[in-house]
Amino acid sequence: MLERRGMSVRSLPNDDEMPVALASITASELITGIYRADTPERRIPREAFVERLLATIPILPFDLPEARLYAQLTEALRARGLSIGAHDSLIAATALASGYERLTDTLRHFEQIEGLNVRRPLP
């Protein structure tokens, strides 16, 4: 999201009221993006950006509390005939377990999850 918008890591909101962190699954998605770059000209700056991000922002683990929330929220969505995909469900469970909001451009997926505060990043 930040890289595509040409934004820096410093442009993320990060204050005492709203700290910023990444779910570990998000970190894996970012790292995967490095390997998906189709040229060295894209891979090298992308890797530098991702590594700066990972060195700057705390990474939230996915452990047993998150696993329990993941199971609960995916079943709640299934019971309502909804699905947001495994990665997004893992990210949502991590945010809920850690008391974080979800900052995303994909509002429609995450707004379906009860108790998860979701907002779009500033342009």
PDB file of N, CA and C in Angstrom:
ATOM      1  N   MET A   1       0.825  -1.176   0.000  1.00  0.00           N
ATOM      2  CA  MET A   1       0.000   0.000   0.000  1.00  0.00           C
ATOM      3  C   MET A   1       0.878   1.252   0.000  1.00  0.00           C
ATOM      4  N   LEU A   2       1.807   1.366   0.932  1.00  0.00           N
ATOM      5  CA  LEU A   2       2.664   2.544   0.989  1.00  0.00           C
ATOM      6  C   LEU A   2       3.559   2.640  -0.232  1.00  0.00           C
ATOM      7  N   GLU A   3       4.176   1.520  -0.576  1.00  0.00           N
ATOM      8  CA  GLU A   3       5.088   1.527  -1.714  1.00  0.00           C
ATOM      9  C   GLU A   3       4.349   1.909  -2.994  1.00  0.00           C
ATOM     10  N   ARG A   4       3.188   1.322  -3.218  1.00  0.00           N
ATOM     11  CA  ARG A   4       2.404   1.626  -4.427  1.00  0.00           C
ATOM     12  C   ARG A   4       2.020   3.099  -4.485  1.00  0.00           C
ATOM     13  N   ARG A   5       1.811   3.711  -3.340  1.00  0.00           N
ATOM     14  CA  ARG A   5       1.425   5.122  -3.299  1.00  0.00           C
ATOM     15  C   ARG A   5       2.635   6.054  -3.326  1.00  0.00           C
ATOM     16  N   GLY A   6       3.839   5.493  -3.290  1.00  0.00           N
ATOM     17  CA  GLY A   6       5.040   6.322  -3.268  1.00  0.00           C
ATOM     18  C   GLY A   6       5.248   7.012  -1.936  1.00  0.00           C
ATOM     19  N   MET A   7       4.721   6.417  -0.862  1.00  0.00           N
ATOM     20  CA  MET A   7       4.825   7.004   0.476  1.00  0.00           C
ATOM     21  C   MET A   7       5.984   6.375   1.234  1.00  0.00           C
ATOM     22  N   SER A   8       6.457   7.087   2.229  1.00  0.00           N
ATOM     23  CA  SER A   8       7.545   6.555   3.054  1.00  0.00           C
ATOM     24  C   SER A   8       6.962   5.906   4.307  1.00  0.00           C
ATOM     25  N   VAL A   9       7.814   5.150   4.990  1.00  0.00           N
ATOM     26  CA  VAL A   9       7.418   4.526   6.251  1.00  0.00           C
ATOM     27  C   VAL A   9       7.026   5.605   7.254  1.00  0.00           C
ATOM     28  N   ARG A  10       7.695   6.742   7.204  1.00  0.00           N
ATOM     29  CA  ARG A  10       7.411   7.828   8.142  1.00  0.00           C
ATOM     30  C   ARG A  10       6.021   8.424   7.964  1.00  0.00           C
ATOM     31  N   SER A  11       5.367   8.156   6.840  1.00  0.00           N
ATOM     32  CA  SER A  11       4.041   8.730   6.599  1.00  0.00           C
ATOM     33  C   SER A  11       2.923   7.989   7.330  1.00  0.00           C
ATOM     34  N   LEU A  12       3.239   6.843   7.936  1.00  0.00           N
ATOM     35  CA  LEU A  12       2.231   6.116   8.704  1.00  0.00           C
ATOM     36  C   LEU A  12       1.897   6.860   9.980  1.00  0.00           C
ATOM     37  N   PRO A  13       0.621   6.842  10.390  1.00  0.00           N
ATOM     38  CA  PRO A  13       0.289   7.456  11.685  1.00  0.00           C
ATOM     39  C   PRO A  13       0.940   6.632  12.792  1.00  0.00           C
ATOM     40  N   ASN A  14       1.558   7.286  13.723  1.00  0.00           N
ATOM     41  CA  ASN A  14       2.184   6.558  14.828  1.00  0.00           C
ATOM     42  C   ASN A  14       2.304   7.491  16.028  1.00  0.00           C
ATOM     43  N   ASP A  15       1.308   7.452  16.861  1.00  0.00           N
ATOM     44  CA  ASP A  15       1.336   8.249  18.077  1.00  0.00           C
ATOM     45  C   ASP A  15       0.896   7.369  19.244  1.00  0.00           C
ATOM     46  N   ASP A  16       0.865   7.945  20.421  1.00  0.00           N
ATOM     47  CA  ASP A  16       0.517   7.160  21.609  1.00  0.00           C
ATOM     48  C   ASP A  16      -0.908   6.633  21.549  1.00  0.00           C
ATOM     49  N   GLU A  17      -1.808   7.363  20.902  1.00  0.00           N
ATOM     50  CA  GLU A  17      -3.196   6.931  20.826  1.00  0.00           C
ATOM     51  C   GLU A  17      -3.408   5.835  19.791  1.00  0.00           C
ATOM     52  N   MET A  18      -2.585   5.802  18.749  1.00  0.00           N
ATOM     53  CA  MET A  18      -2.761   4.824  17.691  1.00  0.00           C
ATOM     54  C   MET A  18      -1.400   4.309  17.216  1.00  0.00           C
ATOM     55  N   PRO A  19      -0.802   3.390  17.964  1.00  0.00           N
ATOM     56  CA  PRO A  19       0.478   2.844  17.512  1.00  0.00           C
ATOM     57  C   PRO A  19       0.286   1.993  16.260  1.00  0.00           C
ATOM     58  N   VAL A  20       1.334   1.853  15.490  1.00  0.00           N
ATOM     59  CA  VAL A  20       1.298   1.102  14.246  1.00  0.00           C
ATOM     60  C   VAL A  20       2.099  -0.180  14.425  1.00  0.00           C
ATOM     61  N   ALA A  21       1.582  -1.282  13.897  1.00  0.00           N
ATOM     62  CA  ALA A  21       2.276  -2.569  13.913  1.00  0.00           C
ATOM     63  C   ALA A  21       1.812  -3.355  12.694  1.00  0.00           C
ATOM     64  N   LEU A  22       2.573  -4.387  12.361  1.00  0.00           N
ATOM     65  CA  LEU A  22       2.216  -5.271  11.245  1.00  0.00           C
ATOM     66  C   LEU A  22       1.927  -6.658  11.781  1.00  0.00           C
ATOM     67  N   ALA A  23       0.910  -7.284  11.229  1.00  0.00           N
ATOM     68  CA  ALA A  23       0.679  -8.697  11.522  1.00  0.00           C
ATOM     69  C   ALA A  23       1.799  -9.496  10.850  1.00  0.00           C
ATOM     70  N   SER A  24       2.192 -10.592  11.455  1.00  0.00           N
ATOM     71  CA  SER A  24       3.264 -11.400  10.860  1.00  0.00           C
ATOM     72  C   SER A  24       2.879 -11.899   9.477  1.00  0.00           C
ATOM     73  N   ILE A  25       1.594 -12.172   9.243  1.00  0.00           N
ATOM     74  CA  ILE A  25       1.158 -12.597   7.911  1.00  0.00           C
ATOM     75  C   ILE A  25       1.346 -11.467   6.906  1.00  0.00           C
ATOM     76  N   THR A  26       1.155 -10.224   7.346  1.00  0.00           N
ATOM     77  CA  THR A  26       1.386  -9.079   6.470  1.00  0.00           C
ATOM     78  C   THR A  26       2.860  -8.981   6.113  1.00  0.00           C
ATOM     79  N   ALA A  27       3.723  -9.229   7.096  1.00  0.00           N
ATOM     80  CA  ALA A  27       5.159  -9.235   6.819  1.00  0.00           C
ATOM     81  C   ALA A  27       5.489 -10.284   5.761  1.00  0.00           C
ATOM     82  N   SER A  28       4.878 -11.461   5.867  1.00  0.00           N
ATOM     83  CA  SER A  28       5.159 -12.507   4.873  1.00  0.00           C
ATOM     84  C   SER A  28       4.646 -12.111   3.495  1.00  0.00           C
ATOM     85  N   GLU A  29       3.513 -11.406   3.436  1.00  0.00           N
ATOM     86  CA  GLU A  29       2.995 -10.936   2.147  1.00  0.00           C
ATOM     87  C   GLU A  29       3.939  -9.906   1.528  1.00  0.00           C
ATOM     88  N   LEU A  30       4.462  -9.020   2.349  1.00  0.00           N
ATOM     89  CA  LEU A  30       5.403  -8.016   1.851  1.00  0.00           C
ATOM     90  C   LEU A  30       6.682  -8.667   1.326  1.00  0.00           C
ATOM     91  N   ILE A  31       7.192  -9.634   2.069  1.00  0.00           N
ATOM     92  CA  ILE A  31       8.407 -10.333   1.644  1.00  0.00           C
ATOM     93  C   ILE A  31       8.152 -11.109   0.358  1.00  0.00           C
ATOM     94  N   THR A  32       6.984 -11.725   0.246  1.00  0.00           N
ATOM     95  CA  THR A  32       6.617 -12.420  -0.991  1.00  0.00           C
ATOM     96  C   THR A  32       6.621 -11.451  -2.169  1.00  0.00           C
ATOM     97  N   GLY A  33       6.163 -10.235  -1.940  1.00  0.00           N
ATOM     98  CA  GLY A  33       6.149  -9.220  -2.987  1.00  0.00           C
ATOM     99  C   GLY A  33       7.533  -8.912  -3.534  1.00  0.00           C
ATOM    100  N   ILE A  34       8.542  -9.030  -2.681  1.00  0.00           N
ATOM    101  CA  ILE A  34       9.922  -8.837  -3.143  1.00  0.00           C
ATOM    102  C   ILE A  34      10.247  -9.875  -4.209  1.00  0.00           C
ATOM    103  N   TYR A  35       9.920 -11.121  -3.936  1.00  0.00           N
ATOM    104  CA  TYR A  35      10.239 -12.212  -4.850  1.00  0.00           C
ATOM    105  C   TYR A  35       9.378 -12.199  -6.110  1.00  0.00           C
ATOM    106  N   ARG A  36       8.258 -11.519  -6.051  1.00  0.00           N
ATOM    107  CA  ARG A  36       7.382 -11.434  -7.228  1.00  0.00           C
ATOM    108  C   ARG A  36       7.771 -10.315  -8.183  1.00  0.00           C
ATOM    109  N   ALA A  37       8.671  -9.457  -7.768  1.00  0.00           N
ATOM    110  CA  ALA A  37       9.108  -8.374  -8.666  1.00  0.00           C
ATOM    111  C   ALA A  37       9.675  -8.989  -9.933  1.00  0.00           C
ATOM    112  N   ASP A  38       9.254  -8.457 -11.064  1.00  0.00           N
ATOM    113  CA  ASP A  38       9.628  -9.070 -12.336  1.00  0.00           C
ATOM    114  C   ASP A  38      10.965  -8.613 -12.903  1.00  0.00           C
ATOM    115  N   THR A  39      11.569  -7.585 -12.299  1.00  0.00           N
ATOM    116  CA  THR A  39      12.882  -7.136 -12.759  1.00  0.00           C
ATOM    117  C   THR A  39      13.713  -6.717 -11.550  1.00  0.00           C
ATOM    118  N   PRO A  40      15.028  -6.740 -11.684  1.00  0.00           N
ATOM    119  CA  PRO A  40      15.870  -6.223 -10.595  1.00  0.00           C
ATOM    120  C   PRO A  40      15.588  -4.746 -10.307  1.00  0.00           C
ATOM    121  N   GLU A  41      15.205  -4.007 -11.333  1.00  0.00           N
ATOM    122  CA  GLU A  41      14.907  -2.582 -11.145  1.00  0.00           C
ATOM    123  C   GLU A  41      13.709  -2.372 -10.222  1.00  0.00           C
ATOM    124  N   ARG A  42      12.812  -3.331 -10.186  1.00  0.00           N
ATOM    125  CA  ARG A  42      11.671  -3.253  -9.261  1.00  0.00           C
ATOM    126  C   ARG A  42      11.982  -3.934  -7.942  1.00  0.00           C
ATOM    127  N   ARG A  43      12.704  -5.045  -8.001  1.00  0.00           N
ATOM    128  CA  ARG A  43      12.974  -5.819  -6.789  1.00  0.00           C
ATOM    129  C   ARG A  43      13.856  -5.071  -5.803  1.00  0.00           C
ATOM    130  N   ILE A  44      14.911  -4.451  -6.260  1.00  0.00           N
ATOM    131  CA  ILE A  44      15.884  -3.827  -5.354  1.00  0.00           C
ATOM    132  C   ILE A  44      15.257  -2.713  -4.516  1.00  0.00           C
ATOM    133  N   PRO A  45      14.556  -1.746  -5.117  1.00  0.00           N
ATOM    134  CA  PRO A  45      13.930  -0.722  -4.262  1.00  0.00           C
ATOM    135  C   PRO A  45      12.802  -1.272  -3.406  1.00  0.00           C
ATOM    136  N   ARG A  46      12.072  -2.260  -3.925  1.00  0.00           N
ATOM    137  CA  ARG A  46      11.004  -2.870  -3.137  1.00  0.00           C
ATOM    138  C   ARG A  46      11.587  -3.567  -1.910  1.00  0.00           C
ATOM    139  N   GLU A  47      12.668  -4.300  -2.104  1.00  0.00           N
ATOM    140  CA  GLU A  47      13.301  -4.988  -0.978  1.00  0.00           C
ATOM    141  C   GLU A  47      13.808  -3.984   0.047  1.00  0.00           C
ATOM    142  N   ALA A  48      14.412  -2.897  -0.414  1.00  0.00           N
ATOM    143  CA  ALA A  48      14.897  -1.865   0.515  1.00  0.00           C
ATOM    144  C   ALA A  48      13.737  -1.271   1.302  1.00  0.00           C
ATOM    145  N   PHE A  49      12.624  -0.997   0.620  1.00  0.00           N
ATOM    146  CA  PHE A  49      11.447  -0.440   1.279  1.00  0.00           C
ATOM    147  C   PHE A  49      10.904  -1.412   2.331  1.00  0.00           C
ATOM    148  N   VAL A  50      10.732  -2.670   1.946  1.00  0.00           N
ATOM    149  CA  VAL A  50      10.180  -3.666   2.864  1.00  0.00           C
ATOM    150  C   VAL A  50      11.099  -3.856   4.071  1.00  0.00           C
ATOM    151  N   GLU A  51      12.389  -3.942   3.840  1.00  0.00           N
ATOM    152  CA  GLU A  51      13.316  -4.133   4.956  1.00  0.00           C
ATOM    153  C   GLU A  51      13.316  -2.932   5.899  1.00  0.00           C
ATOM    154  N   ARG A  52      13.195  -1.711   5.346  1.00  0.00           N
ATOM    155  CA  ARG A  52      13.073  -0.514   6.200  1.00  0.00           C
ATOM    156  C   ARG A  52      11.802  -0.590   7.034  1.00  0.00           C
ATOM    157  N   LEU A  53      10.723  -0.989   6.407  1.00  0.00           N
ATOM    158  CA  LEU A  53       9.446  -1.111   7.096  1.00  0.00           C
ATOM    159  C   LEU A  53       9.538  -2.139   8.230  1.00  0.00           C
ATOM    160  N   LEU A  54      10.096  -3.309   7.920  1.00  0.00           N
ATOM    161  CA  LEU A  54      10.193  -4.375   8.923  1.00  0.00           C
ATOM    162  C   LEU A  54      11.133  -4.011  10.073  1.00  0.00           C
ATOM    163  N   ALA A  55      12.123  -3.180   9.792  1.00  0.00           N
ATOM    164  CA  ALA A  55      13.045  -2.744  10.848  1.00  0.00           C
ATOM    165  C   ALA A  55      12.456  -1.634  11.710  1.00  0.00           C
ATOM    166  N   THR A  56      11.421  -0.960  11.195  1.00  0.00           N
ATOM    167  CA  THR A  56      10.851   0.204  11.862  1.00  0.00           C
ATOM    168  C   THR A  56       9.606  -0.116  12.680  1.00  0.00           C
ATOM    169  N   ILE A  57       8.779  -1.004  12.157  1.00  0.00           N
ATOM    170  CA  ILE A  57       7.467  -1.253  12.743  1.00  0.00           C
ATOM    171  C   ILE A  57       7.451  -2.591  13.470  1.00  0.00           C
ATOM    172  N   PRO A  58       6.899  -2.622  14.689  1.00  0.00           N
ATOM    173  CA  PRO A  58       6.798  -3.897  15.406  1.00  0.00           C
ATOM    174  C   PRO A  58       5.951  -4.915  14.633  1.00  0.00           C
ATOM    175  N   ILE A  59       6.328  -6.173  14.746  1.00  0.00           N
ATOM    176  CA  ILE A  59       5.608  -7.265  14.087  1.00  0.00           C
ATOM    177  C   ILE A  59       4.809  -8.015  15.157  1.00  0.00           C
ATOM    178  N   LEU A  60       3.505  -8.144  14.930  1.00  0.00           N
ATOM    179  CA  LEU A  60       2.636  -8.853  15.861  1.00  0.00           C
ATOM    180  C   LEU A  60       2.620 -10.333  15.507  1.00  0.00           C
ATOM    181  N   PRO A  61       2.881 -11.197  16.481  1.00  0.00           N
ATOM    182  CA  PRO A  61       2.920 -12.632  16.187  1.00  0.00           C
ATOM    183  C   PRO A  61       1.529 -13.218  15.999  1.00  0.00           C
ATOM    184  N   PHE A  62       1.493 -14.363  15.364  1.00  0.00           N
ATOM    185  CA  PHE A  62       0.273 -15.156  15.280  1.00  0.00           C
ATOM    186  C   PHE A  62       0.505 -16.372  16.154  1.00  0.00           C
ATOM    187  N   ASP A  63      -0.205 -16.422  17.280  1.00  0.00           N
ATOM    188  CA  ASP A  63      -0.016 -17.488  18.253  1.00  0.00           C
ATOM    189  C   ASP A  63      -1.386 -18.048  18.634  1.00  0.00           C
ATOM    190  N   LEU A  64      -1.464 -18.748  19.744  1.00  0.00           N
ATOM    191  CA  LEU A  64      -2.707 -19.405  20.125  1.00  0.00           C
ATOM    192  C   LEU A  64      -3.893 -18.447  20.311  1.00  0.00           C
ATOM    193  N   PRO A  65      -3.736 -17.294  20.978  1.00  0.00           N
ATOM    194  CA  PRO A  65      -4.894 -16.390  21.086  1.00  0.00           C
ATOM    195  C   PRO A  65      -5.407 -15.933  19.717  1.00  0.00           C
ATOM    196  N   GLU A  66      -4.484 -15.649  18.815  1.00  0.00           N
ATOM    197  CA  GLU A  66      -4.863 -15.247  17.468  1.00  0.00           C
ATOM    198  C   GLU A  66      -5.514 -16.411  16.719  1.00  0.00           C
ATOM    199  N   ALA A  67      -5.002 -17.618  16.936  1.00  0.00           N
ATOM    200  CA  ALA A  67      -5.571 -18.806  16.292  1.00  0.00           C
ATOM    201  C   ALA A  67      -7.013 -19.032  16.747  1.00  0.00           C
ATOM    202  N   ARG A  68      -7.268 -18.828  18.027  1.00  0.00           N
ATOM    203  CA  ARG A  68      -8.635 -18.980  18.534  1.00  0.00           C
ATOM    204  C   ARG A  68      -9.576 -17.944  17.916  1.00  0.00           C
ATOM    205  N   LEU A  69      -9.114 -16.691  17.853  1.00  0.00           N
ATOM    206  CA  LEU A  69      -9.933 -15.647  17.239  1.00  0.00           C
ATOM    207  C   LEU A  69     -10.137 -15.908  15.758  1.00  0.00           C
ATOM    208  N   TYR A  70      -9.115 -16.377  15.083  1.00  0.00           N
ATOM    209  CA  TYR A  70      -9.226 -16.725  13.662  1.00  0.00           C
ATOM    210  C   TYR A  70     -10.335 -17.761  13.467  1.00  0.00           C
ATOM    211  N   ALA A  71     -10.334 -18.803  14.281  1.00  0.00           N
ATOM    212  CA  ALA A  71     -11.358 -19.847  14.166  1.00  0.00           C
ATOM    213  C   ALA A  71     -12.753 -19.268  14.423  1.00  0.00           C
ATOM    214  N   GLN A  72     -12.871 -18.436  15.445  1.00  0.00           N
ATOM    215  CA  GLN A  72     -14.173 -17.844  15.764  1.00  0.00           C
ATOM    216  C   GLN A  72     -14.669 -16.934  14.651  1.00  0.00           C
ATOM    217  N   LEU A  73     -13.801 -16.071  14.154  1.00  0.00           N
ATOM    218  CA  LEU A  73     -14.285 -15.112  13.159  1.00  0.00           C
ATOM    219  C   LEU A  73     -14.529 -15.758  11.804  1.00  0.00           C
ATOM    220  N   THR A  74     -13.731 -16.746  11.421  1.00  0.00           N
ATOM    221  CA  THR A  74     -13.995 -17.399  10.137  1.00  0.00           C
ATOM    222  C   THR A  74     -15.296 -18.199  10.204  1.00  0.00           C
ATOM    223  N   GLU A  75     -15.573 -18.804  11.344  1.00  0.00           N
ATOM    224  CA  GLU A  75     -16.842 -19.537  11.490  1.00  0.00           C
ATOM    225  C   GLU A  75     -18.025 -18.570  11.528  1.00  0.00           C
ATOM    226  N   ALA A  76     -17.861 -17.431  12.192  1.00  0.00           N
ATOM    227  CA  ALA A  76     -18.934 -16.434  12.226  1.00  0.00           C
ATOM    228  C   ALA A  76     -19.217 -15.907  10.820  1.00  0.00           C
ATOM    229  N   LEU A  77     -18.174 -15.671  10.049  1.00  0.00           N
ATOM    230  CA  LEU A  77     -18.360 -15.230   8.666  1.00  0.00           C
ATOM    231  C   LEU A  77     -19.033 -16.325   7.837  1.00  0.00           C
ATOM    232  N   ARG A  78     -18.568 -17.565   7.978  1.00  0.00           N
ATOM    233  CA  ARG A  78     -19.134 -18.691   7.233  1.00  0.00           C
ATOM    234  C   ARG A  78     -20.618 -18.846   7.537  1.00  0.00           C
ATOM    235  N   ALA A  79     -20.981 -18.704   8.803  1.00  0.00           N
ATOM    236  CA  ALA A  79     -22.383 -18.841   9.206  1.00  0.00           C
ATOM    237  C   ALA A  79     -23.259 -17.767   8.568  1.00  0.00           C
ATOM    238  N   ARG A  80     -22.652 -16.637   8.228  1.00  0.00           N
ATOM    239  CA  ARG A  80     -23.387 -15.549   7.559  1.00  0.00           C
ATOM    240  C   ARG A  80     -23.252 -15.634   6.042  1.00  0.00           C
ATOM    241  N   GLY A  81     -22.603 -16.695   5.555  1.00  0.00           N
ATOM    242  CA  GLY A  81     -22.425 -16.871   4.119  1.00  0.00           C
ATOM    243  C   GLY A  81     -21.357 -15.982   3.529  1.00  0.00           C
ATOM    244  N   LEU A  82     -20.388 -15.571   4.360  1.00  0.00           N
ATOM    245  CA  LEU A  82     -19.341 -14.653   3.933  1.00  0.00           C
ATOM    246  C   LEU A  82     -17.966 -15.290   4.052  1.00  0.00           C
ATOM    247  N   SER A  83     -17.041 -14.783   3.280  1.00  0.00           N
ATOM    248  CA  SER A  83     -15.640 -15.208   3.376  1.00  0.00           C
ATOM    249  C   SER A  83     -14.772 -14.045   2.917  1.00  0.00           C
ATOM    250  N   ILE A  84     -13.672 -13.812   3.617  1.00  0.00           N
ATOM    251  CA  ILE A  84     -12.773 -12.727   3.215  1.00  0.00           C
ATOM    252  C   ILE A  84     -11.398 -13.259   2.817  1.00  0.00           C
ATOM    253  N   GLY A  85     -11.220 -14.541   2.837  1.00  0.00           N
ATOM    254  CA  GLY A  85      -9.925 -15.125   2.491  1.00  0.00           C
ATOM    255  C   GLY A  85      -9.094 -15.383   3.728  1.00  0.00           C
ATOM    256  N   ALA A  86      -8.283 -16.404   3.646  1.00  0.00           N
ATOM    257  CA  ALA A  86      -7.506 -16.843   4.813  1.00  0.00           C
ATOM    258  C   ALA A  86      -6.532 -15.776   5.309  1.00  0.00           C
ATOM    259  N   HIS A  87      -5.791 -15.145   4.406  1.00  0.00           N
ATOM    260  CA  HIS A  87      -4.809 -14.154   4.861  1.00  0.00           C
ATOM    261  C   HIS A  87      -5.489 -12.983   5.558  1.00  0.00           C
ATOM    262  N   ASP A  88      -6.562 -12.477   4.961  1.00  0.00           N
ATOM    263  CA  ASP A  88      -7.258 -11.359   5.590  1.00  0.00           C
ATOM    264  C   ASP A  88      -7.873 -11.763   6.930  1.00  0.00           C
ATOM    265  N   SER A  89      -8.339 -12.990   7.039  1.00  0.00           N
ATOM    266  CA  SER A  89      -8.866 -13.480   8.319  1.00  0.00           C
ATOM    267  C   SER A  89      -7.761 -13.577   9.367  1.00  0.00           C
ATOM    268  N   LEU A  90      -6.588 -14.015   8.960  1.00  0.00           N
ATOM    269  CA  LEU A  90      -5.444 -14.087   9.879  1.00  0.00           C
ATOM    270  C   LEU A  90      -5.035 -12.686  10.343  1.00  0.00           C
ATOM    271  N   ILE A  91      -5.025 -11.748   9.424  1.00  0.00           N
ATOM    272  CA  ILE A  91      -4.677 -10.366   9.763  1.00  0.00           C
ATOM    273  C   ILE A  91      -5.720  -9.782  10.712  1.00  0.00           C
ATOM    274  N   ALA A  92      -6.989 -10.012  10.436  1.00  0.00           N
ATOM    275  CA  ALA A  92      -8.057  -9.512  11.305  1.00  0.00           C
ATOM    276  C   ALA A  92      -7.957 -10.108  12.705  1.00  0.00           C
ATOM    277  N   ALA A  93      -7.709 -11.393  12.788  1.00  0.00           N
ATOM    278  CA  ALA A  93      -7.576 -12.047  14.098  1.00  0.00           C
ATOM    279  C   ALA A  93      -6.399 -11.470  14.876  1.00  0.00           C
ATOM    280  N   THR A  94      -5.306 -11.200  14.194  1.00  0.00           N
ATOM    281  CA  THR A  94      -4.138 -10.610  14.849  1.00  0.00           C
ATOM    282  C   THR A  94      -4.466  -9.220  15.368  1.00  0.00           C
ATOM    283  N   ALA A  95      -5.149  -8.415  14.558  1.00  0.00           N
ATOM    284  CA  ALA A  95      -5.527  -7.066  14.987  1.00  0.00           C
ATOM    285  C   ALA A  95      -6.461  -7.119  16.195  1.00  0.00           C
ATOM    286  N   LEU A  96      -7.460  -7.971  16.126  1.00  0.00           N
ATOM    287  CA  LEU A  96      -8.404  -8.091  17.244  1.00  0.00           C
ATOM    288  C   LEU A  96      -7.715  -8.552  18.525  1.00  0.00           C
ATOM    289  N   ALA A  97      -6.869  -9.560  18.418  1.00  0.00           N
ATOM    290  CA  ALA A  97      -6.194 -10.101  19.605  1.00  0.00           C
ATOM    291  C   ALA A  97      -5.259  -9.077  20.244  1.00  0.00           C
ATOM    292  N   SER A  98      -4.726  -8.186  19.423  1.00  0.00           N
ATOM    293  CA  SER A  98      -3.753  -7.201  19.913  1.00  0.00           C
ATOM    294  C   SER A  98      -4.366  -5.847  20.212  1.00  0.00           C
ATOM    295  N   GLY A  99      -5.665  -5.692  19.919  1.00  0.00           N
ATOM    296  CA  GLY A  99      -6.335  -4.430  20.185  1.00  0.00           C
ATOM    297  C   GLY A  99      -6.022  -3.338  19.177  1.00  0.00           C
ATOM    298  N   TYR A 100      -5.678  -3.717  17.967  1.00  0.00           N
ATOM    299  CA  TYR A 100      -5.350  -2.748  16.926  1.00  0.00           C
ATOM    300  C   TYR A 100      -6.515  -2.551  15.978  1.00  0.00           C
ATOM    301  N   GLU A 101      -6.529  -1.383  15.325  1.00  0.00           N
ATOM    302  CA  GLU A 101      -7.419  -1.141  14.198  1.00  0.00           C
ATOM    303  C   GLU A 101      -6.772  -1.753  12.966  1.00  0.00           C
ATOM    304  N   ARG A 102      -7.546  -1.867  11.897  1.00  0.00           N
ATOM    305  CA  ARG A 102      -7.014  -2.346  10.619  1.00  0.00           C
ATOM    306  C   ARG A 102      -6.976  -1.164   9.671  1.00  0.00           C
ATOM    307  N   LEU A 103      -5.795  -0.803   9.244  1.00  0.00           N
ATOM    308  CA  LEU A 103      -5.592   0.262   8.272  1.00  0.00           C
ATOM    309  C   LEU A 103      -5.453  -0.401   6.915  1.00  0.00           C
ATOM    310  N   THR A 104      -6.407  -0.144   6.004  1.00  0.00           N
ATOM    311  CA  THR A 104      -6.430  -0.873   4.746  1.00  0.00           C
ATOM    312  C   THR A 104      -7.197  -0.120   3.662  1.00  0.00           C
ATOM    313  N   ASP A 105      -6.865  -0.424   2.425  1.00  0.00           N
ATOM    314  CA  ASP A 105      -7.659   0.053   1.303  1.00  0.00           C
ATOM    315  C   ASP A 105      -8.803  -0.912   0.998  1.00  0.00           C
ATOM    316  N   THR A 106      -8.778  -2.097   1.603  1.00  0.00           N
ATOM    317  CA  THR A 106      -9.776  -3.136   1.353  1.00  0.00           C
ATOM    318  C   THR A 106     -10.834  -3.113   2.460  1.00  0.00           C
ATOM    319  N   LEU A 107     -11.566  -2.042   2.541  1.00  0.00           N
ATOM    320  CA  LEU A 107     -12.552  -1.880   3.609  1.00  0.00           C
ATOM    321  C   LEU A 107     -13.640  -2.941   3.569  1.00  0.00           C
ATOM    322  N   ARG A 108     -14.119  -3.280   2.377  1.00  0.00           N
ATOM    323  CA  ARG A 108     -15.284  -4.164   2.281  1.00  0.00           C
ATOM    324  C   ARG A 108     -15.052  -5.523   2.927  1.00  0.00           C
ATOM    325  N   HIS A 109     -13.841  -6.040   2.897  1.00  0.00           N
ATOM    326  CA  HIS A 109     -13.564  -7.314   3.563  1.00  0.00           C
ATOM    327  C   HIS A 109     -13.590  -7.154   5.074  1.00  0.00           C
ATOM    328  N   PHE A 110     -12.843  -6.215   5.550  1.00  0.00           N
ATOM    329  CA  PHE A 110     -12.639  -6.105   6.992  1.00  0.00           C
ATOM    330  C   PHE A 110     -13.831  -5.506   7.726  1.00  0.00           C
ATOM    331  N   GLU A 111     -14.646  -4.739   7.054  1.00  0.00           N
ATOM    332  CA  GLU A 111     -15.833  -4.171   7.706  1.00  0.00           C
ATOM    333  C   GLU A 111     -16.862  -5.236   8.049  1.00  0.00           C
ATOM    334  N   GLN A 112     -16.732  -6.424   7.527  1.00  0.00           N
ATOM    335  CA  GLN A 112     -17.659  -7.516   7.814  1.00  0.00           C
ATOM    336  C   GLN A 112     -17.369  -8.185   9.162  1.00  0.00           C
ATOM    337  N   ILE A 113     -16.259  -7.825   9.785  1.00  0.00           N
ATOM    338  CA  ILE A 113     -15.836  -8.486  11.017  1.00  0.00           C
ATOM    339  C   ILE A 113     -16.264  -7.657  12.220  1.00  0.00           C
ATOM    340  N   GLU A 114     -17.128  -8.242  13.021  1.00  0.00           N
ATOM    341  CA  GLU A 114     -17.626  -7.559  14.210  1.00  0.00           C
ATOM    342  C   GLU A 114     -16.496  -7.276  15.184  1.00  0.00           C
ATOM    343  N   GLY A 115     -16.495  -6.058  15.706  1.00  0.00           N
ATOM    344  CA  GLY A 115     -15.527  -5.678  16.720  1.00  0.00           C
ATOM    345  C   GLY A 115     -14.207  -5.158  16.168  1.00  0.00           C
ATOM    346  N   LEU A 116     -14.007  -5.236  14.864  1.00  0.00           N
ATOM    347  CA  LEU A 116     -12.755  -4.757  14.267  1.00  0.00           C
ATOM    348  C   LEU A 116     -12.969  -3.354  13.721  1.00  0.00           C
ATOM    349  N   ASN A 117     -12.220  -2.404  14.255  1.00  0.00           N
ATOM    350  CA  ASN A 117     -12.257  -1.046  13.729  1.00  0.00           C
ATOM    351  C   ASN A 117     -11.393  -0.996  12.474  1.00  0.00           C
ATOM    352  N   VAL A 118     -11.960  -0.462  11.412  1.00  0.00           N
ATOM    353  CA  VAL A 118     -11.279  -0.424  10.116  1.00  0.00           C
ATOM    354  C   VAL A 118     -11.301   0.999   9.609  1.00  0.00           C
ATOM    355  N   ARG A 119     -10.175   1.431   9.059  1.00  0.00           N
ATOM    356  CA  ARG A 119     -10.157   2.744   8.418  1.00  0.00           C
ATOM    357  C   ARG A 119      -9.199   2.746   7.244  1.00  0.00           C
ATOM    358  N   ARG A 120      -9.443   3.653   6.347  1.00  0.00           N
ATOM    359  CA  ARG A 120      -8.631   3.816   5.143  1.00  0.00           C
ATOM    360  C   ARG A 120      -7.472   4.770   5.487  1.00  0.00           C
ATOM    361  N   PRO A 121      -6.290   4.484   4.952  1.00  0.00           N
ATOM    362  CA  PRO A 121      -5.175   5.412   5.197  1.00  0.00           C
ATOM    363  C   PRO A 121      -5.425   6.748   4.502  1.00  0.00           C
ATOM    364  N   LEU A 122      -4.793   7.756   4.999  1.00  0.00           N
ATOM    365  CA  LEU A 122      -4.910   9.068   4.372  1.00  0.00           C
ATOM    366  C   LEU A 122      -4.264   9.020   2.993  1.00  0.00           C
ATOM    367  N   PRO A 123      -4.792   9.801   2.046  1.00  0.00           N
ATOM    368  CA  PRO A 123      -4.218   9.796   0.685  1.00  0.00           C
ATOM    369  C   PRO A 123      -2.816  10.337   0.641  1.00  0.00           C
TER     370      PRO A 123
END
